[in-house]
């Protein structure tokens, strides 16, 4: 079994402090908490006062669902593979051979940069990404992980003697300018 060089999951805390949705969840939580304490101090939770505990409950449910979503998939990187461990009750393991990776992209917003998270998108010729690229959201230290992955992809290609060749159809290009 190859040695695991890196193991990670999407970060729930990173999502919470590094995305607009996370900030909204925090805002709902704080609003619900403050409102609940306010109405409890007033001695009443009747009338429109039920909205505050509802906001608190919604924020908690959103946070728990996001946590379970992130708990359901883990990633491991070896010298020649990216391994996806999916599932909580019913588990599956899928692998992407690194020599088949065509592109490793990173996207992040200004808010993501504050939390040092990003979204890594991997396009490959592997069956795992046949229908769509693999998108890994809310990755902590995404820039460093992307660079390490690119190094490993290049090393895996060199070790296997694989070269990437882009095929371009001449007849599908733009018409010549006269």
Protein backbone atom coordinates (compact mmCIF):
# COMPACT_ATOMS: atom_id res chain seq x y z
CA UNK A 1 0.00 0.00 0.00
CA UNK A 2 1.49 3.37 -1.01
CA UNK A 3 2.24 5.84 1.75
CA UNK A 4 -0.39 8.54 2.25
CA UNK A 5 1.23 11.97 1.86
CA UNK A 6 -1.82 14.08 2.69
CA UNK A 7 -5.28 13.42 4.09
CA UNK A 8 -8.02 16.06 4.23
CA UNK A 9 -11.74 16.86 4.11
CA UNK A 10 -13.72 19.91 3.16
CA UNK A 11 -13.52 22.25 6.13
CA UNK A 12 -16.78 23.01 7.94
CA UNK A 13 -15.10 25.76 9.97
CA UNK A 14 -13.53 27.15 6.79
CA UNK A 15 -16.98 27.15 5.16
CA UNK A 16 -18.43 28.89 8.21
CA UNK A 17 -15.92 31.76 8.26
CA UNK A 18 -14.92 31.77 4.60
CA UNK A 19 -18.19 31.88 2.64
CA UNK A 20 -21.23 34.12 2.42
CA UNK A 21 -23.43 31.10 3.25
CA UNK A 22 -21.32 30.47 6.36
CA UNK A 23 -21.56 34.11 7.40
CA UNK A 24 -25.32 33.97 6.87
CA UNK A 25 -25.53 30.89 9.08
CA UNK A 26 -23.51 32.66 11.81
CA UNK A 27 -25.77 35.70 11.50
CA UNK A 28 -28.91 33.54 11.83
CA UNK A 29 -27.41 31.78 14.82
CA UNK A 30 -26.48 35.02 16.61
CA UNK A 31 -29.79 36.68 15.76
CA UNK A 32 -31.72 33.64 16.96
CA UNK A 33 -29.63 33.34 20.14
CA UNK A 34 -29.92 37.03 21.01
CA UNK A 35 -33.64 37.06 20.25
CA UNK A 36 -34.29 33.95 22.30
CA UNK A 37 -32.44 35.37 25.32
CA UNK A 38 -34.20 38.72 24.90
CA UNK A 39 -37.66 37.18 24.84
CA UNK A 40 -36.81 34.81 27.70
CA UNK A 41 -35.63 37.81 29.75
CA UNK A 42 -38.97 39.47 28.97
CA UNK A 43 -40.64 36.33 30.28
CA UNK A 44 -42.46 35.52 27.09
CA UNK A 45 -42.06 33.39 24.01
CA UNK A 46 -45.54 34.05 22.57
CA UNK A 47 -46.66 35.96 19.51
CA UNK A 48 -43.84 36.75 17.06
CA UNK A 49 -41.25 35.77 19.66
CA UNK A 50 -41.24 32.18 18.33
CA UNK A 51 -39.24 33.42 15.30
CA UNK A 52 -36.03 33.80 17.34
CA UNK A 53 -35.79 30.15 18.46
CA UNK A 54 -36.76 29.12 14.90
CA UNK A 55 -33.82 31.12 13.48
CA UNK A 56 -31.53 29.51 16.04
CA UNK A 57 -32.81 26.03 15.13
CA UNK A 58 -32.43 26.67 11.37
CA UNK A 59 -28.82 27.81 11.83
CA UNK A 60 -27.99 24.74 13.92
CA UNK A 61 -29.63 22.40 11.38
CA UNK A 62 -27.71 24.03 8.49
CA UNK A 63 -24.44 23.68 10.40
CA UNK A 64 -25.11 20.02 11.27
CA UNK A 65 -26.05 19.19 7.65
CA UNK A 66 -22.89 20.86 6.35
CA UNK A 67 -20.80 18.99 8.92
CA UNK A 68 -22.33 15.64 7.89
CA UNK A 69 -21.80 16.48 4.21
CA UNK A 70 -18.11 17.16 4.90
CA UNK A 71 -17.82 14.11 7.14
CA UNK A 72 -19.14 11.95 4.30
CA UNK A 73 -16.11 12.34 2.05
CA UNK A 74 -12.39 12.30 2.77
CA UNK A 75 -9.45 12.62 0.40
CA UNK A 76 -6.06 10.96 0.60
CA UNK A 77 -3.10 11.73 -1.66
CA UNK A 78 -0.33 9.22 -2.35
CA UNK A 79 2.60 9.52 -4.74
CA UNK A 80 0.51 8.18 -7.61
CA UNK A 81 -3.19 8.49 -6.64
CA UNK A 82 -5.89 10.73 -5.27
CA UNK A 83 -8.17 8.46 -3.22
CA UNK A 84 -11.77 9.44 -2.43
CA UNK A 85 -13.38 7.80 0.60
CA UNK A 86 -17.13 8.43 0.34
CA UNK A 87 -19.99 7.64 2.68
CA UNK A 88 -20.79 7.35 6.35
CA UNK A 89 -23.06 4.29 6.51
CA UNK A 90 -22.40 2.84 3.06
CA UNK A 91 -18.79 3.48 2.11
CA UNK A 92 -17.06 3.47 -1.25
CA UNK A 93 -13.49 4.12 -2.30
CA UNK A 94 -12.61 5.64 -5.66
CA UNK A 95 -9.22 6.58 -7.06
CA UNK A 96 -7.86 8.93 -9.65
CA UNK A 97 -4.47 7.97 -11.05
CA UNK A 98 -2.39 11.13 -10.92
CA UNK A 99 -0.75 10.54 -14.30
CA UNK A 100 -4.27 10.90 -15.82
CA UNK A 101 -4.88 14.35 -14.30
CA UNK A 102 -5.13 16.96 -17.04
CA UNK A 103 -5.73 20.09 -14.98
CA UNK A 104 -5.76 21.19 -11.35
CA UNK A 105 -7.57 24.47 -10.85
CA UNK A 106 -8.17 26.56 -7.75
CA UNK A 107 -10.93 29.10 -7.24
CA UNK A 108 -11.40 31.35 -4.26
CA UNK A 109 -13.22 34.55 -3.43
CA UNK A 110 -11.96 37.40 -1.29
CA UNK A 111 -13.82 35.92 1.68
CA UNK A 112 -12.27 32.48 0.99
CA UNK A 113 -8.83 34.07 1.05
CA UNK A 114 -9.47 35.43 4.55
CA UNK A 115 -10.17 31.89 5.78
CA UNK A 116 -7.36 30.35 3.65
CA UNK A 117 -9.79 28.00 1.89
CA UNK A 118 -10.52 27.39 -1.77
CA UNK A 119 -12.21 25.13 -4.26
CA UNK A 120 -9.96 22.69 -6.10
CA UNK A 121 -11.25 21.36 -9.42
CA UNK A 122 -9.56 18.35 -11.01
CA UNK A 123 -10.08 17.38 -14.64
CA UNK A 124 -8.70 14.03 -15.70
CA UNK A 125 -9.11 11.23 -18.21
CA UNK A 126 -9.95 8.86 -15.33
CA UNK A 127 -13.42 7.23 -15.14
CA UNK A 128 -14.10 9.10 -11.90
CA UNK A 129 -14.19 12.42 -13.76
CA UNK A 130 -15.68 11.22 -17.05
CA UNK A 131 -18.98 13.09 -16.67
CA UNK A 132 -17.70 16.13 -14.79
CA UNK A 133 -14.53 17.31 -13.11
CA UNK A 134 -14.00 16.48 -9.44
CA UNK A 135 -14.80 19.59 -7.38
CA UNK A 136 -13.48 19.71 -3.83
CA UNK A 137 -14.97 22.69 -1.98
CA UNK A 138 -13.79 24.48 1.14
CA UNK A 139 -10.30 22.97 1.19
CA UNK A 140 -8.06 24.34 3.93
CA UNK A 141 -4.63 25.47 2.64
CA UNK A 142 -5.93 25.01 -0.91
CA UNK A 143 -3.05 26.81 -2.62
CA UNK A 144 -0.40 24.63 -0.99
CA UNK A 145 -2.41 21.45 -1.63
CA UNK A 146 -2.89 22.38 -5.29
CA UNK A 147 0.84 22.98 -5.78
CA UNK A 148 1.72 19.68 -4.10
CA UNK A 149 -0.83 17.89 -6.28
CA UNK A 150 0.64 19.47 -9.44
CA UNK A 151 4.14 18.33 -8.41
CA UNK A 152 2.87 14.80 -7.79
CA UNK A 153 1.04 14.76 -11.15
CA UNK A 154 4.25 15.76 -12.98
CA UNK A 155 6.28 13.16 -11.08
CA UNK A 156 3.70 10.42 -11.80
CA UNK A 157 3.77 11.30 -15.51
CA UNK A 158 7.57 11.21 -15.60
CA UNK A 159 7.68 7.87 -13.77
CA UNK A 160 5.21 6.31 -16.23
CA UNK A 161 6.64 8.03 -19.28
CA UNK A 162 3.30 9.70 -20.03
CA UNK A 163 2.98 12.94 -21.99
CA UNK A 164 -0.10 15.10 -22.36
CA UNK A 165 -1.05 15.78 -25.98
CA UNK A 166 -3.90 18.10 -26.89
CA UNK A 167 -5.69 17.18 -30.09
CA UNK A 168 -7.08 20.14 -32.02
CA UNK A 169 -9.35 19.74 -35.03
CA UNK A 170 -8.33 22.24 -37.69
CA UNK A 171 -11.81 22.20 -39.22
CA UNK A 172 -13.46 23.25 -35.94
CA UNK A 173 -11.48 26.45 -35.52
CA UNK A 174 -12.53 29.96 -36.47
CA UNK A 175 -12.92 30.70 -40.17
CA UNK A 176 -9.89 32.31 -41.79
CA UNK A 177 -9.88 36.09 -42.04
CA UNK A 178 -9.69 37.34 -45.63
